[in-house]
Amino acid sequence: MERIEHRRAQSRPAFQSFFRRNWPMLVLAVLFLLGIQVGTICLGQTATGTLQQFSLICSKYIQARREMTFWQMFLSSLGPQVLLFLLVMFLGFSAISQPLLLFIPFFDGLGVGFTAAYLYAGANTRDLLFAMLILIPAAVLSGFTLMLSCRSALYLSCCFFVKISGQGSRELLPVIRRYLAQFVFYFGLMMAAALLNSGAFYLEFHVLGIT
């Protein structure tokens, strides 16, 4: 009994230290998951006409993908992610961008939740396999990369805010250099997510021959 209490006492400081170091990432992850949940709920409350329009858009999107080469699929997957990635990077240089940076993971989760729920609502094996093979792995890696970039942008934005408010004297140039190096790494992760997405599409359409 004493050993159990001793282990519990040792685990509390470790948990508190972990939370202090990683609370921004945990908050962003909660917002991303909340966005997925809200997106799923929104699907159930969407009018039938809107769902039909969304279904038509998805059909046209898949048909366009089917006619692409692998590298066209890759660029098509990477393009929208790069735009959001650059937005996050530039927001890090603003001292007042924290609310928007917190909203971005939630907005990304909305899209993931709505799309995944739509595929699941189809209630057929092909759509479920499509979600597991194409949507979920790429969405998880892309969402994780987005949260990492938002965390770094939040830190830099707060540094600018402290500097402008006159409450800190920290030199920002080393922070900016590290920030840019981090975003080079994040861009590599984003390319990996796009490769995963386009590779799954290519495998389904051109190797397995699923239509």
N, C-alpha and C. Protein backbone atom coordinates (compact mmCIF):
# COMPACT_ATOMS: atom_id res chain seq x y z
N MET A 1 0.83 -1.21 0.00
CA MET A 1 0.00 0.00 0.00
C MET A 1 0.86 1.26 0.00
N GLU A 2 1.93 1.20 0.79
CA GLU A 2 2.82 2.35 0.86
C GLU A 2 3.54 2.56 -0.47
N ARG A 3 3.87 1.43 -1.14
CA ARG A 3 4.54 1.54 -2.44
C ARG A 3 3.63 2.20 -3.48
N ILE A 4 2.34 1.83 -3.44
CA ILE A 4 1.38 2.42 -4.38
C ILE A 4 1.27 3.92 -4.15
N GLU A 5 1.17 4.32 -2.87
CA GLU A 5 1.08 5.74 -2.56
C GLU A 5 2.35 6.48 -2.96
N HIS A 6 3.50 5.81 -2.78
CA HIS A 6 4.78 6.42 -3.15
C HIS A 6 4.87 6.62 -4.66
N ARG A 7 4.41 5.63 -5.45
CA ARG A 7 4.41 5.76 -6.90
C ARG A 7 3.47 6.86 -7.36
N ARG A 8 2.31 6.97 -6.71
CA ARG A 8 1.38 8.02 -7.06
C ARG A 8 1.98 9.39 -6.78
N ALA A 9 2.67 9.49 -5.65
CA ALA A 9 3.30 10.77 -5.29
C ALA A 9 4.39 11.13 -6.29
N GLN A 10 5.10 10.12 -6.82
CA GLN A 10 6.15 10.39 -7.80
C GLN A 10 5.58 10.75 -9.17
N SER A 11 4.42 10.16 -9.51
CA SER A 11 3.84 10.41 -10.83
C SER A 11 3.22 11.78 -10.93
N ARG A 12 2.76 12.36 -9.83
CA ARG A 12 2.11 13.66 -9.90
C ARG A 12 3.04 14.76 -10.39
N PRO A 13 4.25 14.90 -9.81
CA PRO A 13 5.16 15.94 -10.35
C PRO A 13 5.52 15.72 -11.81
N ALA A 14 5.67 14.44 -12.22
CA ALA A 14 6.01 14.15 -13.61
C ALA A 14 4.87 14.57 -14.53
N PHE A 15 3.63 14.29 -14.11
CA PHE A 15 2.48 14.69 -14.92
C PHE A 15 2.36 16.21 -14.98
N GLN A 16 2.56 16.87 -13.85
CA GLN A 16 2.48 18.33 -13.82
C GLN A 16 3.55 18.96 -14.69
N SER A 17 4.76 18.38 -14.66
CA SER A 17 5.85 18.89 -15.50
C SER A 17 5.53 18.69 -16.98
N PHE A 18 4.98 17.51 -17.33
CA PHE A 18 4.59 17.23 -18.72
C PHE A 18 3.52 18.22 -19.18
N PHE A 19 2.55 18.48 -18.32
CA PHE A 19 1.46 19.39 -18.69
C PHE A 19 1.99 20.81 -18.87
N ARG A 20 2.88 21.26 -18.01
CA ARG A 20 3.43 22.62 -18.12
C ARG A 20 4.22 22.78 -19.42
N ARG A 21 4.94 21.73 -19.82
CA ARG A 21 5.74 21.82 -21.03
C ARG A 21 4.90 21.73 -22.30
N ASN A 22 3.80 20.99 -22.23
CA ASN A 22 3.07 20.66 -23.46
C ASN A 22 1.64 21.17 -23.49
N TRP A 23 1.27 22.06 -22.57
CA TRP A 23 -0.14 22.48 -22.53
C TRP A 23 -0.59 23.18 -23.81
N PRO A 24 0.24 23.96 -24.52
CA PRO A 24 -0.26 24.54 -25.78
C PRO A 24 -0.65 23.46 -26.79
N MET A 25 0.17 22.40 -26.90
CA MET A 25 -0.13 21.33 -27.84
C MET A 25 -1.39 20.58 -27.42
N LEU A 26 -1.57 20.40 -26.12
CA LEU A 26 -2.76 19.71 -25.63
C LEU A 26 -4.01 20.51 -25.91
N VAL A 27 -3.94 21.83 -25.74
CA VAL A 27 -5.08 22.70 -26.03
C VAL A 27 -5.43 22.64 -27.52
N LEU A 28 -4.41 22.70 -28.37
CA LEU A 28 -4.64 22.63 -29.82
C LEU A 28 -5.24 21.28 -30.22
N ALA A 29 -4.76 20.20 -29.58
CA ALA A 29 -5.30 18.87 -29.88
C ALA A 29 -6.77 18.77 -29.47
N VAL A 30 -7.11 19.34 -28.31
CA VAL A 30 -8.50 19.34 -27.86
C VAL A 30 -9.38 20.13 -28.82
N LEU A 31 -8.89 21.26 -29.30
CA LEU A 31 -9.65 22.07 -30.26
C LEU A 31 -9.84 21.31 -31.58
N PHE A 32 -8.80 20.60 -32.03
CA PHE A 32 -8.90 19.81 -33.25
C PHE A 32 -9.94 18.70 -33.10
N LEU A 33 -9.89 17.98 -31.97
CA LEU A 33 -10.86 16.92 -31.72
C LEU A 33 -12.27 17.48 -31.55
N LEU A 34 -12.36 18.65 -30.92
CA LEU A 34 -13.67 19.29 -30.78
C LEU A 34 -14.23 19.66 -32.14
N GLY A 35 -13.36 20.13 -33.05
CA GLY A 35 -13.80 20.44 -34.40
C GLY A 35 -14.32 19.20 -35.12
N ILE A 36 -13.64 18.07 -34.93
CA ILE A 36 -14.11 16.81 -35.53
C ILE A 36 -15.50 16.46 -35.00
N GLN A 37 -15.68 16.61 -33.69
CA GLN A 37 -16.98 16.29 -33.09
C GLN A 37 -18.08 17.20 -33.60
N VAL A 38 -17.79 18.50 -33.67
CA VAL A 38 -18.78 19.45 -34.16
C VAL A 38 -19.09 19.19 -35.63
N GLY A 39 -18.07 18.87 -36.42
CA GLY A 39 -18.29 18.56 -37.83
C GLY A 39 -19.17 17.33 -38.01
N THR A 40 -18.99 16.34 -37.15
CA THR A 40 -19.82 15.14 -37.20
C THR A 40 -21.27 15.47 -36.86
N ILE A 41 -21.46 16.31 -35.83
CA ILE A 41 -22.82 16.70 -35.43
C ILE A 41 -23.48 17.53 -36.52
N CYS A 42 -22.71 18.41 -37.14
CA CYS A 42 -23.27 19.27 -38.20
C CYS A 42 -23.81 18.45 -39.37
N LEU A 43 -23.16 17.32 -39.66
CA LEU A 43 -23.64 16.49 -40.76
C LEU A 43 -25.05 15.99 -40.49
N GLY A 44 -25.32 15.59 -39.24
CA GLY A 44 -26.63 15.08 -38.90
C GLY A 44 -27.72 16.14 -38.95
N GLN A 45 -27.32 17.42 -38.88
CA GLN A 45 -28.31 18.50 -38.89
C GLN A 45 -28.35 19.23 -40.23
N THR A 46 -27.64 18.69 -41.22
CA THR A 46 -27.60 19.33 -42.53
C THR A 46 -28.81 18.94 -43.36
N ALA A 47 -29.35 19.89 -44.07
CA ALA A 47 -30.52 19.63 -44.91
C ALA A 47 -30.18 18.64 -46.02
N THR A 48 -31.20 17.92 -46.49
CA THR A 48 -31.00 16.91 -47.52
C THR A 48 -30.43 17.51 -48.81
N GLY A 49 -30.91 18.68 -49.18
CA GLY A 49 -30.41 19.33 -50.40
C GLY A 49 -28.94 19.66 -50.31
N THR A 50 -28.51 20.11 -49.14
CA THR A 50 -27.09 20.42 -48.95
C THR A 50 -26.25 19.16 -49.03
N LEU A 51 -26.75 18.07 -48.45
CA LEU A 51 -26.02 16.80 -48.52
C LEU A 51 -25.89 16.31 -49.95
N GLN A 52 -26.93 16.49 -50.73
CA GLN A 52 -26.87 16.09 -52.13
C GLN A 52 -25.84 16.90 -52.89
N GLN A 53 -25.78 18.21 -52.60
CA GLN A 53 -24.77 19.05 -53.24
C GLN A 53 -23.36 18.62 -52.83
N PHE A 54 -23.21 18.30 -51.54
CA PHE A 54 -21.91 17.84 -51.05
C PHE A 54 -21.53 16.52 -51.69
N SER A 55 -22.51 15.63 -51.86
CA SER A 55 -22.27 14.35 -52.52
C SER A 55 -21.82 14.56 -53.96
N LEU A 56 -22.45 15.52 -54.64
CA LEU A 56 -22.08 15.82 -56.03
C LEU A 56 -20.65 16.35 -56.10
N ILE A 57 -20.29 17.22 -55.16
CA ILE A 57 -18.94 17.77 -55.12
C ILE A 57 -17.92 16.65 -54.90
N CYS A 58 -18.22 15.74 -53.96
CA CYS A 58 -17.31 14.63 -53.68
C CYS A 58 -17.14 13.73 -54.91
N SER A 59 -18.25 13.48 -55.61
CA SER A 59 -18.19 12.63 -56.80
C SER A 59 -17.31 13.26 -57.88
N LYS A 60 -17.48 14.57 -58.07
CA LYS A 60 -16.66 15.26 -59.07
C LYS A 60 -15.19 15.28 -58.66
N TYR A 61 -14.95 15.45 -57.36
CA TYR A 61 -13.58 15.47 -56.85
C TYR A 61 -12.90 14.12 -57.09
N ILE A 62 -13.60 13.03 -56.77
CA ILE A 62 -13.03 11.70 -56.94
C ILE A 62 -12.82 11.39 -58.42
N GLN A 63 -13.75 11.82 -59.26
CA GLN A 63 -13.60 11.60 -60.69
C GLN A 63 -12.40 12.35 -61.25
N ALA A 64 -12.21 13.59 -60.77
CA ALA A 64 -11.04 14.37 -61.21
C ALA A 64 -9.75 13.71 -60.75
N ARG A 65 -9.75 13.19 -59.52
CA ARG A 65 -8.57 12.50 -59.01
C ARG A 65 -8.25 11.24 -59.83
N ARG A 66 -9.29 10.54 -60.23
CA ARG A 66 -9.10 9.30 -60.97
C ARG A 66 -8.37 9.54 -62.29
N GLU A 67 -8.52 10.73 -62.84
CA GLU A 67 -7.91 11.05 -64.13
C GLU A 67 -6.52 11.67 -63.99
N MET A 68 -6.04 11.85 -62.76
CA MET A 68 -4.75 12.48 -62.53
C MET A 68 -3.63 11.45 -62.49
N THR A 69 -2.40 11.92 -62.79
CA THR A 69 -1.22 11.11 -62.55
C THR A 69 -0.87 11.20 -61.07
N PHE A 70 0.12 10.40 -60.65
CA PHE A 70 0.51 10.41 -59.24
C PHE A 70 0.97 11.79 -58.80
N TRP A 71 1.83 12.44 -59.59
CA TRP A 71 2.37 13.73 -59.18
C TRP A 71 1.33 14.83 -59.25
N GLN A 72 0.35 14.71 -60.13
CA GLN A 72 -0.76 15.65 -60.13
C GLN A 72 -1.59 15.50 -58.86
N MET A 73 -1.78 14.27 -58.43
CA MET A 73 -2.48 14.03 -57.16
C MET A 73 -1.70 14.63 -56.00
N PHE A 74 -0.38 14.44 -56.05
CA PHE A 74 0.46 14.97 -54.97
C PHE A 74 0.36 16.49 -54.87
N LEU A 75 0.46 17.17 -56.00
CA LEU A 75 0.37 18.63 -55.99
C LEU A 75 -1.03 19.09 -55.59
N SER A 76 -2.04 18.34 -56.01
CA SER A 76 -3.41 18.68 -55.63
C SER A 76 -3.62 18.54 -54.13
N SER A 77 -2.99 17.55 -53.52
CA SER A 77 -3.11 17.36 -52.07
C SER A 77 -2.28 18.39 -51.31
N LEU A 78 -1.11 18.72 -51.84
CA LEU A 78 -0.20 19.61 -51.14
C LEU A 78 -0.64 21.07 -51.20
N GLY A 79 -1.25 21.47 -52.34
CA GLY A 79 -1.58 22.88 -52.54
C GLY A 79 -2.39 23.52 -51.43
N PRO A 80 -3.58 23.00 -51.09
CA PRO A 80 -4.38 23.62 -50.01
C PRO A 80 -3.67 23.61 -48.66
N GLN A 81 -2.90 22.53 -48.40
CA GLN A 81 -2.18 22.46 -47.13
C GLN A 81 -1.10 23.54 -47.04
N VAL A 82 -0.44 23.79 -48.17
CA VAL A 82 0.62 24.81 -48.18
C VAL A 82 0.04 26.19 -47.90
N LEU A 83 -1.13 26.48 -48.46
CA LEU A 83 -1.76 27.78 -48.23
C LEU A 83 -2.06 27.98 -46.75
N LEU A 84 -2.63 26.97 -46.12
CA LEU A 84 -2.92 27.07 -44.68
C LEU A 84 -1.63 27.11 -43.87
N PHE A 85 -0.64 26.35 -44.30
CA PHE A 85 0.67 26.32 -43.64
C PHE A 85 1.33 27.70 -43.67
N LEU A 86 1.30 28.36 -44.83
CA LEU A 86 1.90 29.69 -44.95
C LEU A 86 1.12 30.71 -44.12
N LEU A 87 -0.20 30.56 -44.07
CA LEU A 87 -1.01 31.46 -43.24
C LEU A 87 -0.59 31.36 -41.79
N VAL A 88 -0.45 30.13 -41.30
CA VAL A 88 -0.03 29.93 -39.91
C VAL A 88 1.36 30.52 -39.68
N MET A 89 2.28 30.30 -40.61
CA MET A 89 3.65 30.80 -40.45
C MET A 89 3.67 32.32 -40.36
N PHE A 90 2.93 33.01 -41.24
CA PHE A 90 2.92 34.46 -41.21
C PHE A 90 2.18 35.01 -40.00
N LEU A 91 1.17 34.30 -39.50
CA LEU A 91 0.46 34.74 -38.31
C LEU A 91 1.37 34.73 -37.08
N GLY A 92 2.40 33.89 -37.12
CA GLY A 92 3.35 33.88 -36.00
C GLY A 92 4.09 35.18 -35.83
N PHE A 93 4.18 35.99 -36.90
CA PHE A 93 4.88 37.27 -36.82
C PHE A 93 3.95 38.40 -36.37
N SER A 94 2.73 38.07 -36.01
CA SER A 94 1.79 39.07 -35.50
C SER A 94 1.66 38.92 -33.99
N ALA A 95 1.61 40.04 -33.30
CA ALA A 95 1.52 40.02 -31.84
C ALA A 95 0.10 39.78 -31.35
N ILE A 96 -0.89 39.82 -32.23
CA ILE A 96 -2.29 39.71 -31.80
C ILE A 96 -3.02 38.58 -32.54
N SER A 97 -2.30 37.61 -33.05
CA SER A 97 -2.92 36.56 -33.86
C SER A 97 -3.29 35.32 -33.06
N GLN A 98 -3.13 35.34 -31.74
CA GLN A 98 -3.37 34.14 -30.94
C GLN A 98 -4.79 33.57 -31.10
N PRO A 99 -5.85 34.40 -31.08
CA PRO A 99 -7.20 33.81 -31.25
C PRO A 99 -7.38 33.09 -32.58
N LEU A 100 -6.84 33.67 -33.64
CA LEU A 100 -6.97 33.03 -34.96
C LEU A 100 -6.17 31.74 -35.03
N LEU A 101 -5.01 31.73 -34.42
CA LEU A 101 -4.19 30.51 -34.41
C LEU A 101 -4.87 29.39 -33.63
N LEU A 102 -5.62 29.74 -32.59
CA LEU A 102 -6.36 28.74 -31.84
C LEU A 102 -7.56 28.21 -32.63
N PHE A 103 -8.11 29.05 -33.50
CA PHE A 103 -9.29 28.66 -34.28
C PHE A 103 -8.93 27.73 -35.43
N ILE A 104 -7.72 27.84 -35.96
CA ILE A 104 -7.34 27.08 -37.16
C ILE A 104 -7.43 25.56 -36.94
N PRO A 105 -6.90 24.98 -35.84
CA PRO A 105 -7.08 23.53 -35.65
C PRO A 105 -8.55 23.13 -35.53
N PHE A 106 -9.35 23.97 -34.90
CA PHE A 106 -10.78 23.69 -34.80
C PHE A 106 -11.42 23.67 -36.18
N PHE A 107 -11.06 24.64 -37.02
CA PHE A 107 -11.60 24.71 -38.38
C PHE A 107 -11.17 23.49 -39.20
N ASP A 108 -9.91 23.08 -39.04
CA ASP A 108 -9.43 21.89 -39.76
C ASP A 108 -10.17 20.64 -39.30
N GLY A 109 -10.41 20.55 -37.99
CA GLY A 109 -11.16 19.42 -37.46
C GLY A 109 -12.59 19.38 -37.97
N LEU A 110 -13.19 20.54 -38.19
CA LEU A 110 -14.54 20.59 -38.75
C LEU A 110 -14.61 19.85 -40.08
N GLY A 111 -13.66 20.16 -40.96
CA GLY A 111 -13.64 19.53 -42.28
C GLY A 111 -13.42 18.03 -42.19
N VAL A 112 -12.50 17.61 -41.32
CA VAL A 112 -12.23 16.18 -41.16
C VAL A 112 -13.47 15.46 -40.62
N GLY A 113 -14.10 16.04 -39.60
CA GLY A 113 -15.27 15.42 -38.99
C GLY A 113 -16.43 15.32 -39.95
N PHE A 114 -16.68 16.38 -40.70
CA PHE A 114 -17.81 16.39 -41.63
C PHE A 114 -17.60 15.36 -42.74
N THR A 115 -16.38 15.33 -43.29
CA THR A 115 -16.11 14.41 -44.39
C THR A 115 -16.13 12.96 -43.93
N ALA A 116 -15.50 12.68 -42.77
CA ALA A 116 -15.47 11.31 -42.26
C ALA A 116 -16.88 10.82 -41.93
N ALA A 117 -17.69 11.70 -41.33
CA ALA A 117 -19.06 11.31 -41.00
C ALA A 117 -19.88 11.07 -42.25
N TYR A 118 -19.64 11.86 -43.29
CA TYR A 118 -20.36 11.67 -44.55
C TYR A 118 -20.04 10.31 -45.17
N LEU A 119 -18.74 9.95 -45.16
CA LEU A 119 -18.35 8.66 -45.71
C LEU A 119 -18.91 7.51 -44.86
N TYR A 120 -18.88 7.68 -43.54
CA TYR A 120 -19.40 6.64 -42.65
C TYR A 120 -20.90 6.49 -42.81
N ALA A 121 -21.60 7.60 -43.05
CA ALA A 121 -23.06 7.56 -43.21
C ALA A 121 -23.46 6.79 -44.46
N GLY A 122 -22.53 6.66 -45.42
CA GLY A 122 -22.84 5.88 -46.61
C GLY A 122 -23.10 4.41 -46.30
N ALA A 123 -22.58 3.95 -45.15
CA ALA A 123 -22.87 2.60 -44.64
C ALA A 123 -22.57 1.50 -45.65
N ASN A 124 -21.50 1.68 -46.44
CA ASN A 124 -21.08 0.56 -47.29
C ASN A 124 -19.58 0.37 -47.13
N THR A 125 -19.16 -0.84 -47.43
CA THR A 125 -17.78 -1.24 -47.16
C THR A 125 -16.78 -0.38 -47.92
N ARG A 126 -17.09 -0.01 -49.14
CA ARG A 126 -16.15 0.74 -49.96
C ARG A 126 -15.86 2.10 -49.33
N ASP A 127 -16.92 2.80 -48.88
CA ASP A 127 -16.71 4.11 -48.29
C ASP A 127 -15.91 4.03 -46.99
N LEU A 128 -16.17 2.98 -46.20
CA LEU A 128 -15.42 2.82 -44.96
C LEU A 128 -13.95 2.52 -45.24
N LEU A 129 -13.69 1.68 -46.24
CA LEU A 129 -12.31 1.40 -46.63
C LEU A 129 -11.64 2.65 -47.19
N PHE A 130 -12.41 3.43 -47.94
CA PHE A 130 -11.90 4.69 -48.48
C PHE A 130 -11.45 5.62 -47.36
N ALA A 131 -12.29 5.72 -46.31
CA ALA A 131 -11.95 6.59 -45.19
C ALA A 131 -10.72 6.10 -44.45
N MET A 132 -10.64 4.78 -44.20
CA MET A 132 -9.51 4.23 -43.45
C MET A 132 -8.22 4.29 -44.25
N LEU A 133 -8.32 4.06 -45.56
CA LEU A 133 -7.13 3.99 -46.40
C LEU A 133 -6.61 5.36 -46.80
N ILE A 134 -7.52 6.29 -47.11
CA ILE A 134 -7.13 7.57 -47.69
C ILE A 134 -7.28 8.73 -46.71
N LEU A 135 -8.46 8.84 -46.10
CA LEU A 135 -8.75 10.03 -45.30
C LEU A 135 -8.03 10.05 -43.96
N ILE A 136 -8.19 8.97 -43.19
CA ILE A 136 -7.75 9.01 -41.80
C ILE A 136 -6.23 9.12 -41.65
N PRO A 137 -5.40 8.26 -42.29
CA PRO A 137 -3.96 8.38 -42.08
C PRO A 137 -3.40 9.74 -42.48
N ALA A 138 -3.79 10.21 -43.67
CA ALA A 138 -3.30 11.51 -44.12
C ALA A 138 -3.82 12.64 -43.25
N ALA A 139 -5.10 12.54 -42.82
CA ALA A 139 -5.68 13.60 -41.99
C ALA A 139 -5.01 13.67 -40.61
N VAL A 140 -4.67 12.51 -40.06
CA VAL A 140 -4.00 12.48 -38.76
C VAL A 140 -2.62 13.14 -38.85
N LEU A 141 -1.83 12.75 -39.87
CA LEU A 141 -0.50 13.34 -40.03
C LEU A 141 -0.59 14.82 -40.35
N SER A 142 -1.52 15.20 -41.23
CA SER A 142 -1.69 16.60 -41.59
C SER A 142 -2.16 17.42 -40.39
N GLY A 143 -3.12 16.87 -39.63
CA GLY A 143 -3.61 17.58 -38.44
C GLY A 143 -2.53 17.73 -37.38
N PHE A 144 -1.72 16.69 -37.20
CA PHE A 144 -0.63 16.76 -36.23
C PHE A 144 0.39 17.83 -36.64
N THR A 145 0.71 17.87 -37.93
CA THR A 145 1.65 18.88 -38.44
C THR A 145 1.09 20.28 -38.26
N LEU A 146 -0.20 20.44 -38.52
CA LEU A 146 -0.84 21.74 -38.36
C LEU A 146 -0.79 22.19 -36.90
N MET A 147 -1.02 21.27 -35.98
CA MET A 147 -0.97 21.61 -34.56
C MET A 147 0.44 22.01 -34.13
N LEU A 148 1.44 21.30 -34.65
CA LEU A 148 2.83 21.66 -34.34
C LEU A 148 3.15 23.07 -34.84
N SER A 149 2.72 23.37 -36.06
CA SER A 149 3.01 24.69 -36.63
C SER A 149 2.25 25.78 -35.87
N CYS A 150 1.01 25.50 -35.46
CA CYS A 150 0.25 26.48 -34.68
C CYS A 150 0.89 26.71 -33.31
N ARG A 151 1.42 25.65 -32.71
CA ARG A 151 2.10 25.81 -31.42
C ARG A 151 3.31 26.73 -31.55
N SER A 152 4.13 26.50 -32.59
CA SER A 152 5.30 27.34 -32.80
C SER A 152 4.89 28.79 -33.10
N ALA A 153 3.83 28.95 -33.90
CA ALA A 153 3.37 30.29 -34.25
C ALA A 153 2.82 31.00 -33.01
N LEU A 154 2.12 30.28 -32.15
CA LEU A 154 1.62 30.87 -30.91
C LEU A 154 2.77 31.37 -30.03
N TYR A 155 3.82 30.57 -29.95
CA TYR A 155 4.97 30.96 -29.13
C TYR A 155 5.62 32.24 -29.66
N LEU A 156 5.85 32.28 -30.98
CA LEU A 156 6.47 33.47 -31.56
C LEU A 156 5.55 34.68 -31.44
N SER A 157 4.26 34.48 -31.64
CA SER A 157 3.31 35.58 -31.52
C SER A 157 3.31 36.14 -30.10
N CYS A 158 3.35 35.26 -29.11
CA CYS A 158 3.41 35.72 -27.71
C CYS A 158 4.72 36.45 -27.42
N CYS A 159 5.82 36.00 -28.03
CA CYS A 159 7.10 36.69 -27.85
C CYS A 159 7.02 38.11 -28.40
N PHE A 160 6.40 38.27 -29.57
CA PHE A 160 6.22 39.61 -30.14
C PHE A 160 5.32 40.46 -29.25
N PHE A 161 4.27 39.86 -28.70
CA PHE A 161 3.35 40.60 -27.84
C PHE A 161 4.07 41.11 -26.59
N VAL A 162 4.87 40.22 -25.98
CA VAL A 162 5.62 40.62 -24.78
C VAL A 162 6.62 41.71 -25.12
N LYS A 163 7.28 41.58 -26.28
CA LYS A 163 8.27 42.57 -26.69
C LYS A 163 7.62 43.93 -26.93
N ILE A 164 6.51 43.95 -27.65
CA ILE A 164 5.83 45.21 -27.96
C ILE A 164 5.26 45.86 -26.71
N SER A 165 4.76 45.05 -25.78
CA SER A 165 4.19 45.62 -24.56
C SER A 165 5.24 46.12 -23.58
N GLY A 166 6.51 45.88 -23.90
CA GLY A 166 7.59 46.38 -23.06
C GLY A 166 7.83 45.58 -21.80
N GLN A 167 7.31 44.34 -21.74
CA GLN A 167 7.44 43.52 -20.55
C GLN A 167 8.59 42.52 -20.64
N GLY A 168 9.30 42.53 -21.77
CA GLY A 168 10.41 41.60 -21.93
C GLY A 168 11.54 42.21 -22.73
N SER A 169 12.74 41.73 -22.49
CA SER A 169 13.91 42.24 -23.19
C SER A 169 14.63 41.15 -23.98
N ARG A 170 13.93 40.05 -24.24
CA ARG A 170 14.55 38.92 -24.93
C ARG A 170 14.81 39.26 -26.38
N GLU A 171 15.99 38.87 -26.87
CA GLU A 171 16.34 39.08 -28.27
C GLU A 171 15.54 38.10 -29.12
N LEU A 172 14.85 38.62 -30.14
CA LEU A 172 13.94 37.80 -30.92
C LEU A 172 14.59 37.15 -32.13
N LEU A 173 15.75 37.61 -32.55
CA LEU A 173 16.37 37.06 -33.75
C LEU A 173 16.66 35.57 -33.62
N PRO A 174 17.24 35.08 -32.51
CA PRO A 174 17.44 33.63 -32.39
C PRO A 174 16.13 32.85 -32.38
N VAL A 175 15.10 33.45 -31.78
CA VAL A 175 13.78 32.80 -31.74
C VAL A 175 13.22 32.67 -33.15
N ILE A 176 13.38 33.72 -33.97
CA ILE A 176 12.87 33.71 -35.34
C ILE A 176 13.63 32.68 -36.19
N ARG A 177 14.94 32.59 -35.98
CA ARG A 177 15.73 31.60 -36.73
C ARG A 177 15.27 30.18 -36.41
N ARG A 178 15.07 29.91 -35.13
CA ARG A 178 14.58 28.58 -34.74
C ARG A 178 13.18 28.33 -35.29
N TYR A 179 12.37 29.37 -35.30
CA TYR A 179 11.01 29.29 -35.81
C TYR A 179 11.00 28.89 -37.29
N LEU A 180 11.84 29.54 -38.08
CA LEU A 180 11.91 29.23 -39.51
C LEU A 180 12.46 27.82 -39.75
N ALA A 181 13.42 27.40 -38.92
CA ALA A 181 13.95 26.03 -39.05
C ALA A 181 12.87 25.00 -38.72
N GLN A 182 12.06 25.31 -37.71
CA GLN A 182 10.97 24.40 -37.37
C GLN A 182 9.99 24.26 -38.52
N PHE A 183 9.71 25.36 -39.21
CA PHE A 183 8.74 25.32 -40.29
C PHE A 183 9.29 24.59 -41.52
N VAL A 184 10.59 24.56 -41.68
CA VAL A 184 11.17 23.72 -42.74
C VAL A 184 10.88 22.25 -42.44
N PHE A 185 11.04 21.86 -41.18
CA PHE A 185 10.75 20.50 -40.76
C PHE A 185 9.25 20.20 -40.91
N TYR A 186 8.41 21.14 -40.51
CA TYR A 186 6.96 20.94 -40.63
C TYR A 186 6.53 20.80 -42.09
N PHE A 187 7.20 21.54 -42.95
CA PHE A 187 6.88 21.43 -44.38
C PHE A 187 7.20 20.03 -44.89
N GLY A 188 8.28 19.44 -44.38
CA GLY A 188 8.61 18.07 -44.75
C GLY A 188 7.53 17.09 -44.30
N LEU A 189 7.00 17.29 -43.08
CA LEU A 189 5.90 16.45 -42.61
C LEU A 189 4.66 16.63 -43.47
N MET A 190 4.41 17.87 -43.90
CA MET A 190 3.24 18.14 -44.73
C MET A 190 3.38 17.47 -46.10
N MET A 191 4.58 17.47 -46.64
CA MET A 191 4.82 16.76 -47.90
C MET A 191 4.60 15.25 -47.72
N ALA A 192 5.01 14.72 -46.56
CA ALA A 192 4.79 13.31 -46.29
C ALA A 192 3.29 12.99 -46.24
N ALA A 193 2.50 13.89 -45.64
CA ALA A 193 1.05 13.68 -45.58
C ALA A 193 0.45 13.72 -46.98
N ALA A 194 0.93 14.63 -47.82
CA ALA A 194 0.43 14.71 -49.19
C ALA A 194 0.83 13.47 -49.99
N LEU A 195 2.03 12.96 -49.76
CA LEU A 195 2.47 11.72 -50.43
C LEU A 195 1.61 10.54 -49.99
N LEU A 196 1.28 10.50 -48.71
CA LEU A 196 0.44 9.43 -48.19
C LEU A 196 -0.95 9.48 -48.82
N ASN A 197 -1.50 10.69 -48.91
CA ASN A 197 -2.82 10.87 -49.50
C ASN A 197 -2.84 10.49 -50.98
N SER A 198 -1.89 11.05 -51.74
CA SER A 198 -1.86 10.78 -53.18
C SER A 198 -1.50 9.32 -53.46
N GLY A 199 -0.63 8.74 -52.63
CA GLY A 199 -0.27 7.34 -52.81
C GLY A 199 -1.46 6.42 -52.60
N ALA A 200 -2.30 6.73 -51.61
CA ALA A 200 -3.48 5.91 -51.36
C ALA A 200 -4.48 6.03 -52.51
N PHE A 201 -4.67 7.26 -53.02
CA PHE A 201 -5.54 7.45 -54.17
C PHE A 201 -5.02 6.68 -55.38
N TYR A 202 -3.73 6.78 -55.62
CA TYR A 202 -3.13 6.11 -56.79
C TYR A 202 -3.26 4.59 -56.67
N LEU A 203 -3.03 4.09 -55.44
CA LEU A 203 -3.16 2.66 -55.21
C LEU A 203 -4.59 2.19 -55.48
N GLU A 204 -5.56 2.97 -55.02
CA GLU A 204 -6.97 2.57 -55.20
C GLU A 204 -7.39 2.61 -56.66
N PHE A 205 -7.02 3.68 -57.36
CA PHE A 205 -7.53 3.87 -58.72
C PHE A 205 -6.73 3.14 -59.79
N HIS A 206 -5.41 3.08 -59.63
CA HIS A 206 -4.56 2.61 -60.72
C HIS A 206 -3.89 1.25 -60.47
N VAL A 207 -3.84 0.83 -59.22
CA VAL A 207 -3.23 -0.48 -58.91
C VAL A 207 -4.30 -1.50 -58.58
N LEU A 208 -5.14 -1.17 -57.61
CA LEU A 208 -6.22 -2.09 -57.24
C LEU A 208 -7.37 -2.06 -58.24
N GLY A 209 -7.49 -0.95 -58.96
CA GLY A 209 -8.55 -0.84 -59.96
C GLY A 209 -9.92 -0.69 -59.38
N ILE A 210 -10.02 -0.10 -58.17
CA ILE A 210 -11.33 0.12 -57.54
C ILE A 210 -11.96 1.35 -58.15
N THR A 211 -13.22 1.30 -58.49
CA THR A 211 -13.92 2.44 -59.07
C THR A 211 -15.13 2.79 -58.25
